[in-house]
Protein backbone atom coordinates (compact mmCIF):
# COMPACT_ATOMS: atom_id res chain seq x y z
CA MET A 1 24.31 -74.57 13.35
CA GLN A 2 21.20 -73.38 15.18
CA ALA A 3 20.26 -76.92 16.21
CA PHE A 4 23.83 -77.54 17.39
CA LEU A 5 23.78 -74.40 19.56
CA GLU A 6 20.41 -75.28 21.07
CA TYR A 7 21.63 -78.78 21.89
CA VAL A 8 24.83 -77.57 23.58
CA VAL A 9 23.23 -74.72 25.53
CA LYS A 10 20.22 -76.74 26.69
CA GLY A 11 22.63 -79.35 28.04
CA LEU A 12 24.39 -76.76 30.20
CA VAL A 13 21.50 -74.84 31.77
CA SER A 14 19.01 -75.56 34.55
CA ASN A 15 16.01 -74.25 32.56
CA PRO A 16 16.35 -75.70 29.04
CA ASP A 17 12.75 -74.80 28.19
CA GLN A 18 13.69 -71.10 28.47
CA VAL A 19 16.46 -71.34 25.83
CA SER A 20 15.85 -69.71 22.47
CA VAL A 21 18.35 -69.31 19.62
CA THR A 22 17.43 -66.82 16.88
CA PRO A 23 19.55 -66.38 13.73
CA VAL A 24 19.94 -62.77 12.53
CA GLU A 25 21.80 -61.73 9.37
CA LYS A 26 24.20 -58.81 9.91
CA ASN A 27 26.77 -57.69 7.33
CA GLY A 28 26.95 -61.07 5.57
CA GLN A 29 27.37 -62.90 8.84
CA THR A 30 24.85 -64.92 10.83
CA VAL A 31 24.62 -63.81 14.45
CA TYR A 32 22.83 -66.27 16.71
CA GLU A 33 21.03 -64.40 19.47
CA LEU A 34 20.86 -66.54 22.59
CA ARG A 35 18.07 -65.83 25.06
CA LEU A 36 17.84 -67.77 28.30
CA ASP A 37 16.72 -67.52 31.91
CA SER A 38 18.72 -64.88 33.80
CA SER A 39 19.79 -67.46 36.39
CA ASP A 40 21.49 -69.49 33.63
CA VAL A 41 23.55 -66.68 32.07
CA GLY A 42 26.46 -67.29 34.44
CA LYS A 43 26.54 -70.98 33.55
CA ILE A 44 26.83 -70.20 29.85
CA ILE A 45 29.51 -67.54 30.35
CA GLY A 46 31.51 -69.67 32.79
CA GLN A 47 34.52 -68.65 34.84
CA GLN A 48 36.39 -65.87 33.05
CA GLY A 49 34.26 -66.54 29.95
CA LYS A 50 35.73 -69.97 29.28
CA THR A 51 32.43 -71.71 28.51
CA ILE A 52 31.09 -69.10 26.06
CA ASN A 53 34.51 -68.89 24.39
CA ALA A 54 34.52 -72.67 23.93
CA ILE A 55 31.02 -72.54 22.41
CA ARG A 56 32.13 -69.70 20.11
CA SER A 57 35.17 -71.71 19.03
CA LEU A 58 33.03 -74.73 18.17
CA LEU A 59 30.56 -72.53 16.29
CA THR A 60 33.34 -70.82 14.33
CA ALA A 61 35.00 -74.11 13.39
CA GLY A 62 31.73 -75.78 12.40
CA SER A 63 30.54 -72.84 10.34
CA ALA A 64 33.92 -72.43 8.61
CA LYS A 65 33.70 -76.03 7.38
CA LYS A 66 30.43 -75.09 5.70
CA GLY A 67 31.85 -71.84 4.31
CA LEU A 68 29.75 -69.66 6.61
CA ARG A 69 30.56 -66.87 9.04
CA CYS A 70 28.74 -67.11 12.36
CA SER A 71 28.92 -65.66 15.84
CA ILE A 72 26.87 -65.81 19.02
CA GLU A 73 25.50 -63.09 21.32
CA ILE A 74 23.80 -63.47 24.66
CA VAL A 75 20.77 -61.16 24.66
CA GLU A 76 19.50 -60.01 28.01
CA ASP A 77 15.95 -58.69 27.92
CA GLN A 78 15.51 -55.47 29.90
CA ALA A 79 11.75 -55.95 30.37
CA GLY A 80 12.09 -57.29 33.92
CA GLN A 81 14.17 -54.34 35.15
């Protein structure tokens, strides 16, 4: 699922080299932490959250077929502020 997420997200952003997907186990569920360039966050969220919701739907469907529970979070680093 991590490779799938990287492929989809890198195809949508202007700075694919800045994309990083990190799996973290929380309460029996895998949460994929998505880090990317701050200028690309809007592209991933999309208008009214449609793009990120579509990515979440694909992730949920794909992981359910494998018997897994997964979700995705966009992590914004506060170091630059």
